[in-house]
Amino acid sequence: QVQLVESGGGLVQAGGSLRLSCAASGRTYNVYAMGWFRQAPGKEREFVAAIRWNGGSTDYADSVKGRFTITRANSKSTVYLQMNSLKPEDTAVYYCAATNGIVPVPYDAPYKYNYWGQGTQVTVSS
């Protein structure tokens, strides 16, 4: 089992920045990738960004490219999501996810992940 705990959400004005953190614990030794997803009220959960544990390759949704950056700290089993130039449409609950399954890349769909955090609210005011 892998446990994920997110932190860093909050309220920010449009154009501002936030950094989310996701700390993984448990059987992290066989994690292939970690990602961030978000879900706004009345909408489906959507992919934001992902990073592969070995090599550090990253994938981003088109809507966040150039504004968000996903990084990892292997020694701490922690993933970060730096969010800059935030827009009101970025408002959502952000979820951290991890996968230890052999699934096709990119890691851009919820079904490819088998562990999820509890979510952290990000609200961007206009």
Foldseek 3Di string as FASTA:
>chain_A
DKAKAKDWADEEAAQAKIKMKIFIDDPPVLWQKKFKWWDDPPDDIFGAKMFGPPPTDMDGDPVQPPFWDWDADVVRNMIMIIGGRDDQVVWTWMKMFIANDDDDDDPTDPVRTDYIYPTDTHGYHD
